PDB file of N, CA and C in Angstrom:
ATOM      1  N   UNK A   1    -131.813 -76.011  15.432  1.00  0.00           N
ATOM      2  CA  UNK A   1    -131.420 -75.988  14.460  1.00  0.00           C
ATOM      3  C   UNK A   1    -132.415 -76.240  13.696  1.00  0.00           C
ATOM      4  N   UNK A   2    -132.305 -76.384  11.573  1.00  0.00           N
ATOM      5  CA  UNK A   2    -133.946 -76.053  11.258  1.00  0.00           C
ATOM      6  C   UNK A   2    -134.459 -77.251  11.402  1.00  0.00           C
ATOM      7  N   UNK A   3    -135.538 -77.289  11.578  1.00  0.00           N
ATOM      8  CA  UNK A   3    -136.712 -79.268  11.046  1.00  0.00           C
ATOM      9  C   UNK A   3    -136.816 -78.214   9.909  1.00  0.00           C
ATOM     10  N   UNK A   4    -136.097 -78.047   9.049  1.00  0.00           N
ATOM     11  CA  UNK A   4    -136.572 -78.401   7.330  1.00  0.00           C
ATOM     12  C   UNK A   4    -135.581 -79.787   7.011  1.00  0.00           C
ATOM     13  N   UNK A   5    -134.904 -79.796   8.070  1.00  0.00           N
ATOM     14  CA  UNK A   5    -133.952 -81.428   7.986  1.00  0.00           C
ATOM     15  C   UNK A   5    -133.735 -82.212   8.109  1.00  0.00           C
ATOM     16  N   UNK A   6    -134.838 -81.904   9.498  1.00  0.00           N
ATOM     17  CA  UNK A   6    -135.005 -83.097  10.139  1.00  0.00           C
ATOM     18  C   UNK A   6    -135.453 -84.678   9.575  1.00  0.00           C
ATOM     19  N   UNK A   7    -136.640 -84.166   8.083  1.00  0.00           N
ATOM     20  CA  UNK A   7    -136.626 -85.295   6.647  1.00  0.00           C
ATOM     21  C   UNK A   7    -135.470 -86.470   6.815  1.00  0.00           C
ATOM     22  N   UNK A   8    -134.245 -85.125   6.593  1.00  0.00           N
ATOM     23  CA  UNK A   8    -133.890 -85.680   5.739  1.00  0.00           C
ATOM     24  C   UNK A   8    -132.675 -86.548   6.605  1.00  0.00           C
ATOM     25  N   UNK A   9    -132.701 -85.606   7.678  1.00  0.00           N
ATOM     26  CA  UNK A   9    -131.750 -86.361   9.158  1.00  0.00           C
ATOM     27  C   UNK A   9    -132.036 -87.703   9.155  1.00  0.00           C
ATOM     28  N   UNK A  10    -133.642 -87.932   9.114  1.00  0.00           N
ATOM     29  CA  UNK A  10    -134.265 -89.085   9.652  1.00  0.00           C
ATOM     30  C   UNK A  10    -133.977 -89.957   8.765  1.00  0.00           C
ATOM     31  N   UNK A  11    -134.097 -89.915   7.499  1.00  0.00           N
ATOM     32  CA  UNK A  11    -134.009 -90.976   6.411  1.00  0.00           C
ATOM     33  C   UNK A  11    -132.420 -91.148   6.599  1.00  0.00           C
ATOM     34  N   UNK A  12    -131.803 -90.571   6.834  1.00  0.00           N
ATOM     35  CA  UNK A  12    -130.321 -90.844   6.667  1.00  0.00           C
ATOM     36  C   UNK A  12    -129.270 -91.549   7.657  1.00  0.00           C
ATOM     37  N   UNK A  13    -130.742 -91.231   9.002  1.00  0.00           N
ATOM     38  CA  UNK A  13    -129.902 -91.986  10.303  1.00  0.00           C
ATOM     39  C   UNK A  13    -129.405 -91.159  10.530  1.00  0.00           C
ATOM     40  N   UNK A  14    -129.265 -89.575  10.835  1.00  0.00           N
ATOM     41  CA  UNK A  14    -128.059 -89.461  11.791  1.00  0.00           C
ATOM     42  C   UNK A  14    -128.261 -88.522  12.312  1.00  0.00           C
ATOM     43  N   UNK A  15    -127.669 -87.501  13.160  1.00  0.00           N
ATOM     44  CA  UNK A  15    -129.247 -86.184  13.819  1.00  0.00           C
ATOM     45  C   UNK A  15    -128.633 -85.215  13.020  1.00  0.00           C
ATOM     46  N   UNK A  16    -130.012 -84.368  13.009  1.00  0.00           N
ATOM     47  CA  UNK A  16    -129.669 -82.935  12.334  1.00  0.00           C
ATOM     48  C   UNK A  16    -128.087 -82.321  12.390  1.00  0.00           C
ATOM     49  N   UNK A  17    -128.461 -82.102  13.394  1.00  0.00           N
ATOM     50  CA  UNK A  17    -126.339 -81.753  13.534  1.00  0.00           C
ATOM     51  C   UNK A  17    -125.801 -82.211  12.302  1.00  0.00           C
ATOM     52  N   UNK A  18    -125.254 -83.922  12.045  1.00  0.00           N
ATOM     53  CA  UNK A  18    -124.483 -83.692  11.058  1.00  0.00           C
ATOM     54  C   UNK A  18    -124.765 -82.862   9.356  1.00  0.00           C
ATOM     55  N   UNK A  19    -126.258 -82.648   9.860  1.00  0.00           N
ATOM     56  CA  UNK A  19    -126.481 -81.528   8.246  1.00  0.00           C
ATOM     57  C   UNK A  19    -126.793 -80.072   8.844  1.00  0.00           C
ATOM     58  N   UNK A  20    -125.753 -79.864   9.793  1.00  0.00           N
ATOM     59  CA  UNK A  20    -125.769 -78.428   9.919  1.00  0.00           C
ATOM     60  C   UNK A  20    -124.993 -77.504   8.743  1.00  0.00           C
ATOM     61  N   UNK A  21    -124.417 -78.224   7.468  1.00  0.00           N
ATOM     62  CA  UNK A  21    -123.849 -77.413   6.450  1.00  0.00           C
ATOM     63  C   UNK A  21    -125.076 -77.278   5.544  1.00  0.00           C
ATOM     64  N   UNK A  22    -126.334 -77.880   5.383  1.00  0.00           N
ATOM     65  CA  UNK A  22    -127.650 -77.247   4.282  1.00  0.00           C
ATOM     66  C   UNK A  22    -127.699 -76.462   4.847  1.00  0.00           C
ATOM     67  N   UNK A  23    -127.840 -76.005   6.364  1.00  0.00           N
ATOM     68  CA  UNK A  23    -128.817 -75.041   6.817  1.00  0.00           C
ATOM     69  C   UNK A  23    -129.784 -73.976   6.689  1.00  0.00           C
ATOM     70  N   UNK A  24    -128.635 -73.326   5.052  1.00  0.00           N
ATOM     71  CA  UNK A  24    -128.862 -72.597   4.753  1.00  0.00           C
ATOM     72  C   UNK A  24    -129.492 -72.036   3.556  1.00  0.00           C
ATOM     73  N   UNK A  25    -129.452 -73.682   3.283  1.00  0.00           N
ATOM     74  CA  UNK A  25    -130.204 -73.523   1.290  1.00  0.00           C
ATOM     75  C   UNK A  25    -132.279 -73.168   1.848  1.00  0.00           C
ATOM     76  N   UNK A  26    -132.633 -73.174   0.810  1.00  0.00           N
ATOM     77  CA  UNK A  26    -134.052 -73.014   1.307  1.00  0.00           C
ATOM     78  C   UNK A  26    -134.476 -74.536   0.736  1.00  0.00           C
ATOM     79  N   UNK A  27    -135.677 -74.400   1.738  1.00  0.00           N
ATOM     80  CA  UNK A  27    -136.325 -75.397   2.002  1.00  0.00           C
ATOM     81  C   UNK A  27    -137.170 -76.071   1.076  1.00  0.00           C
ATOM     82  N   UNK A  28    -137.533 -75.721  -0.354  1.00  0.00           N
ATOM     83  CA  UNK A  28    -137.892 -76.157  -0.935  1.00  0.00           C
ATOM     84  C   UNK A  28    -136.469 -77.196  -2.174  1.00  0.00           C
ATOM     85  N   UNK A  29    -135.267 -76.337  -1.888  1.00  0.00           N
ATOM     86  CA  UNK A  29    -133.768 -77.412  -2.251  1.00  0.00           C
ATOM     87  C   UNK A  29    -133.942 -78.103  -1.659  1.00  0.00           C
ATOM     88  N   UNK A  30    -134.488 -78.533  -0.342  1.00  0.00           N
ATOM     89  CA  UNK A  30    -133.995 -79.400   0.667  1.00  0.00           C
ATOM     90  C   UNK A  30    -134.483 -80.598   0.561  1.00  0.00           C
ATOM     91  N   UNK A  31    -136.162 -79.953   0.469  1.00  0.00           N
ATOM     92  CA  UNK A  31    -137.129 -81.387   0.227  1.00  0.00           C
ATOM     93  C   UNK A  31    -136.848 -81.829  -0.433  1.00  0.00           C
ATOM     94  N   UNK A  32    -136.716 -81.120  -1.642  1.00  0.00           N
ATOM     95  CA  UNK A  32    -136.170 -82.005  -2.958  1.00  0.00           C
ATOM     96  C   UNK A  32    -134.917 -82.555  -2.856  1.00  0.00           C
ATOM     97  N   UNK A  33    -133.829 -82.649  -2.207  1.00  0.00           N
ATOM     98  CA  UNK A  33    -132.594 -83.525  -1.863  1.00  0.00           C
ATOM     99  C   UNK A  33    -132.965 -84.596  -0.962  1.00  0.00           C
ATOM    100  N   UNK A  34    -133.824 -84.346  -0.213  1.00  0.00           N
ATOM    101  CA  UNK A  34    -134.922 -85.653   0.663  1.00  0.00           C
ATOM    102  C   UNK A  34    -135.881 -86.158  -0.350  1.00  0.00           C
ATOM    103  N   UNK A  35    -136.343 -86.034  -1.136  1.00  0.00           N
ATOM    104  CA  UNK A  35    -136.961 -86.782  -1.884  1.00  0.00           C
ATOM    105  C   UNK A  35    -135.975 -87.502  -3.770  1.00  0.00           C
ATOM    106  N   UNK A  36    -135.288 -86.669  -3.704  1.00  0.00           N
ATOM    107  CA  UNK A  36    -133.891 -87.666  -4.419  1.00  0.00           C
ATOM    108  C   UNK A  36    -133.207 -88.741  -3.898  1.00  0.00           C
ATOM    109  N   UNK A  37    -132.605 -88.191  -2.219  1.00  0.00           N
ATOM    110  CA  UNK A  37    -132.243 -89.131  -1.334  1.00  0.00           C
ATOM    111  C   UNK A  37    -133.497 -91.074  -1.449  1.00  0.00           C
ATOM    112  N   UNK A  38    -134.524 -90.378  -1.018  1.00  0.00           N
ATOM    113  CA  UNK A  38    -135.484 -90.996  -1.106  1.00  0.00           C
ATOM    114  C   UNK A  38    -135.441 -92.434  -1.702  1.00  0.00           C
ATOM    115  N   UNK A  39    -135.792 -91.646  -2.962  1.00  0.00           N
ATOM    116  CA  UNK A  39    -135.771 -92.689  -4.951  1.00  0.00           C
ATOM    117  C   UNK A  39    -134.718 -93.379  -4.830  1.00  0.00           C
ATOM    118  N   UNK A  40    -133.514 -93.089  -4.564  1.00  0.00           N
ATOM    119  CA  UNK A  40    -131.834 -93.674  -4.839  1.00  0.00           C
ATOM    120  C   UNK A  40    -132.026 -94.952  -3.422  1.00  0.00           C
ATOM    121  N   UNK A  41    -132.099 -94.779  -2.397  1.00  0.00           N
ATOM    122  CA  UNK A  41    -132.929 -95.652  -1.676  1.00  0.00           C
ATOM    123  C   UNK A  41    -133.629 -96.858  -2.388  1.00  0.00           C
ATOM    124  N   UNK A  42    -134.850 -95.949  -2.217  1.00  0.00           N
ATOM    125  CA  UNK A  42    -135.507 -97.448  -2.772  1.00  0.00           C
ATOM    126  C   UNK A  42    -135.040 -97.888  -3.954  1.00  0.00           C
ATOM    127  N   UNK A  43    -134.035 -97.225  -4.594  1.00  0.00           N
ATOM    128  CA  UNK A  43    -133.536 -97.602  -5.913  1.00  0.00           C
ATOM    129  C   UNK A  43    -132.464 -98.755  -5.527  1.00  0.00           C
ATOM    130  N   UNK A  44    -131.376 -98.569  -5.120  1.00  0.00           N
ATOM    131  CA  UNK A  44    -130.413 -99.063  -3.892  1.00  0.00           C
ATOM    132  C   UNK A  44    -131.713-100.936  -3.422  1.00  0.00           C
ATOM    133  N   UNK A  45    -132.443-100.233  -2.479  1.00  0.00           N
ATOM    134  CA  UNK A  45    -133.362-101.409  -2.618  1.00  0.00           C
ATOM    135  C   UNK A  45    -133.690-102.439  -2.905  1.00  0.00           C
ATOM    136  N   UNK A  46    -134.261-101.867  -4.172  1.00  0.00           N
ATOM    137  CA  UNK A  46    -134.709-102.617  -4.835  1.00  0.00           C
ATOM    138  C   UNK A  46    -133.737-103.247  -5.802  1.00  0.00           C
ATOM    139  N   UNK A  47    -132.390-102.888  -5.709  1.00  0.00           N
ATOM    140  CA  UNK A  47    -131.151-103.748  -7.282  1.00  0.00           C
ATOM    141  C   UNK A  47    -130.967-104.592  -6.497  1.00  0.00           C
ATOM    142  N   UNK A  48    -130.896-104.307  -4.614  1.00  0.00           N
ATOM    143  CA  UNK A  48    -130.486-105.936  -3.527  1.00  0.00           C
ATOM    144  C   UNK A  48    -131.011-106.493  -3.856  1.00  0.00           C
ATOM    145  N   UNK A  49    -132.878-106.002  -3.938  1.00  0.00           N
ATOM    146  CA  UNK A  49    -133.315-107.397  -3.681  1.00  0.00           C
ATOM    147  C   UNK A  49    -133.342-108.442  -4.854  1.00  0.00           C
ATOM    148  N   UNK A  50    -133.139-107.320  -6.286  1.00  0.00           N
ATOM    149  CA  UNK A  50    -133.385-108.222  -7.431  1.00  0.00           C
ATOM    150  C   UNK A  50    -131.774-109.362  -7.353  1.00  0.00           C
ATOM    151  N   UNK A  51    -130.820-108.895  -7.290  1.00  0.00           N
ATOM    152  CA  UNK A  51    -129.306-109.069  -6.530  1.00  0.00           C
ATOM    153  C   UNK A  51    -129.333-110.730  -5.549  1.00  0.00           C
ATOM    154  N   UNK A  52    -130.358-110.465  -4.903  1.00  0.00           N
ATOM    155  CA  UNK A  52    -130.045-111.363  -3.715  1.00  0.00           C
ATOM    156  C   UNK A  52    -130.809-112.448  -4.086  1.00  0.00           C
ATOM    157  N   UNK A  53    -132.496-111.686  -4.958  1.00  0.00           N
ATOM    158  CA  UNK A  53    -132.261-112.891  -5.904  1.00  0.00           C
ATOM    159  C   UNK A  53    -132.271-113.954  -6.981  1.00  0.00           C
ATOM    160  N   UNK A  54    -131.116-113.233  -7.018  1.00  0.00           N
ATOM    161  CA  UNK A  54    -130.642-113.300  -8.705  1.00  0.00           C
ATOM    162  C   UNK A  54    -129.102-114.605  -8.155  1.00  0.00           C
ATOM    163  N   UNK A  55    -128.757-114.169  -6.568  1.00  0.00           N
ATOM    164  CA  UNK A  55    -127.910-114.960  -6.048  1.00  0.00           C
ATOM    165  C   UNK A  55    -128.276-116.507  -5.526  1.00  0.00           C
ATOM    166  N   UNK A  56    -129.376-116.751  -4.765  1.00  0.00           N
ATOM    167  CA  UNK A  56    -130.271-117.620  -4.248  1.00  0.00           C
ATOM    168  C   UNK A  56    -131.057-118.773  -5.855  1.00  0.00           C
ATOM    169  N   UNK A  57    -130.827-117.844  -6.893  1.00  0.00           N
ATOM    170  CA  UNK A  57    -131.422-119.056  -7.718  1.00  0.00           C
ATOM    171  C   UNK A  57    -130.291-120.196  -8.199  1.00  0.00           C
ATOM    172  N   UNK A  58    -129.280-119.938  -7.772  1.00  0.00           N
ATOM    173  CA  UNK A  58    -127.585-121.063  -7.966  1.00  0.00           C
ATOM    174  C   UNK A  58    -128.342-122.209  -7.050  1.00  0.00           C
ATOM    175  N   UNK A  59    -128.914-121.782  -5.721  1.00  0.00           N
ATOM    176  CA  UNK A  59    -129.010-122.410  -4.972  1.00  0.00           C
ATOM    177  C   UNK A  59    -130.319-123.702  -4.753  1.00  0.00           C
ATOM    178  N   UNK A  60    -129.675-125.078  -4.244  1.00  0.00           N
ATOM    179  CA  UNK A  60    -131.033-125.995  -4.709  1.00  0.00           C
ATOM    180  C   UNK A  60    -131.962-125.046  -4.377  1.00  0.00           C
ATOM    181  N   UNK A  61    -133.066-125.485  -4.437  1.00  0.00           N
ATOM    182  CA  UNK A  61    -134.103-125.073  -3.722  1.00  0.00           C
ATOM    183  C   UNK A  61    -134.660-125.348  -2.515  1.00  0.00           C
ATOM    184  N   UNK A  62    -134.791-127.189  -2.418  1.00  0.00           N
ATOM    185  CA  UNK A  62    -134.125-127.092  -0.678  1.00  0.00           C
ATOM    186  C   UNK A  62    -133.721-126.556   0.804  1.00  0.00           C
ATOM    187  N   UNK A  63    -133.052-126.480  -0.370  1.00  0.00           N
ATOM    188  CA  UNK A  63    -131.967-125.453   0.997  1.00  0.00           C
ATOM    189  C   UNK A  63    -131.550-123.623   0.977  1.00  0.00           C
ATOM    190  N   UNK A  64    -132.706-123.199   0.434  1.00  0.00           N
ATOM    191  CA  UNK A  64    -132.625-121.688  -0.188  1.00  0.00           C
ATOM    192  C   UNK A  64    -133.105-120.905   0.531  1.00  0.00           C
ATOM    193  N   UNK A  65    -134.270-120.724   1.769  1.00  0.00           N
ATOM    194  CA  UNK A  65    -134.472-120.407   2.673  1.00  0.00           C
ATOM    195  C   UNK A  65    -133.960-120.817   3.716  1.00  0.00           C
ATOM    196  N   UNK A  66    -133.086-122.170   4.359  1.00  0.00           N
ATOM    197  CA  UNK A  66    -132.187-122.076   5.331  1.00  0.00           C
ATOM    198  C   UNK A  66    -130.710-121.447   4.597  1.00  0.00           C
ATOM    199  N   UNK A  67    -130.593-120.874   3.940  1.00  0.00           N
ATOM    200  CA  UNK A  67    -129.259-120.438   3.591  1.00  0.00           C
ATOM    201  C   UNK A  67    -129.686-119.214   3.743  1.00  0.00           C
ATOM    202  N   UNK A  68    -130.730-118.419   2.772  1.00  0.00           N
ATOM    203  CA  UNK A  68    -131.330-116.655   3.228  1.00  0.00           C
ATOM    204  C   UNK A  68    -131.434-117.028   4.645  1.00  0.00           C
ATOM    205  N   UNK A  69    -131.637-117.663   5.738  1.00  0.00           N
ATOM    206  CA  UNK A  69    -131.573-117.227   6.976  1.00  0.00           C
ATOM    207  C   UNK A  69    -130.159-117.193   7.735  1.00  0.00           C
ATOM    208  N   UNK A  70    -128.721-118.492   6.934  1.00  0.00           N
ATOM    209  CA  UNK A  70    -127.794-118.352   7.174  1.00  0.00           C
ATOM    210  C   UNK A  70    -127.800-116.705   7.379  1.00  0.00           C
ATOM    211  N   UNK A  71    -127.200-116.739   6.002  1.00  0.00           N
ATOM    212  CA  UNK A  71    -127.095-115.542   5.511  1.00  0.00           C
ATOM    213  C   UNK A  71    -127.123-114.121   6.078  1.00  0.00           C
ATOM    214  N   UNK A  72    -128.527-114.194   6.343  1.00  0.00           N
ATOM    215  CA  UNK A  72    -129.248-112.817   6.389  1.00  0.00           C
ATOM    216  C   UNK A  72    -130.383-113.194   7.922  1.00  0.00           C
ATOM    217  N   UNK A  73    -129.717-113.287   9.244  1.00  0.00           N
ATOM    218  CA  UNK A  73    -130.492-113.842  10.230  1.00  0.00           C
ATOM    219  C   UNK A  73    -131.262-112.825  10.695  1.00  0.00           C
ATOM    220  N   UNK A  74    -131.106-111.661  10.438  1.00  0.00           N
ATOM    221  CA  UNK A  74    -132.364-110.685  10.621  1.00  0.00           C
ATOM    222  C   UNK A  74    -133.627-110.028  10.077  1.00  0.00           C
ATOM    223  N   UNK A  75    -133.140-110.700   8.698  1.00  0.00           N
ATOM    224  CA  UNK A  75    -133.950-110.995   7.235  1.00  0.00           C
ATOM    225  C   UNK A  75    -133.049-110.224   6.484  1.00  0.00           C
ATOM    226  N   UNK A  76    -133.509-109.755   4.918  1.00  0.00           N
ATOM    227  CA  UNK A  76    -132.876-108.983   4.492  1.00  0.00           C
ATOM    228  C   UNK A  76    -132.230-108.486   4.405  1.00  0.00           C
ATOM    229  N   UNK A  77    -132.954-107.440   5.253  1.00  0.00           N
ATOM    230  CA  UNK A  77    -132.140-106.068   5.474  1.00  0.00           C
ATOM    231  C   UNK A  77    -131.727-106.121   6.665  1.00  0.00           C
ATOM    232  N   UNK A  78    -131.751-106.270   7.554  1.00  0.00           N
ATOM    233  CA  UNK A  78    -131.261-107.210   8.364  1.00  0.00           C
ATOM    234  C   UNK A  78    -131.208-106.279  10.180  1.00  0.00           C
TER     235      UNK A  78
END
C-alpha cells in the first residue's frame, strides 16, 4: 500500500487499505486532500466547542462543571 495514503488514513482513523481506491492519485493531490480534511476537522472541532459553550451558557454557573462532566465523562472530545 502506498505510504502516501498513511497521513490521510491516520487522520481519518482508518486502515490504509480502506483508502485503496485513492492509491492511483498523484501524491500532491493526496497531500492536498489530507490538508483539506485536516482543516475541515479543525473547523468542526471549533464549531463543536462553540456550540457546547453556548449550550452550557443556559446552565446555572454553579452546576456547569458538574453538568459538563456528566454529559462528557471523557472530556469534550470523549
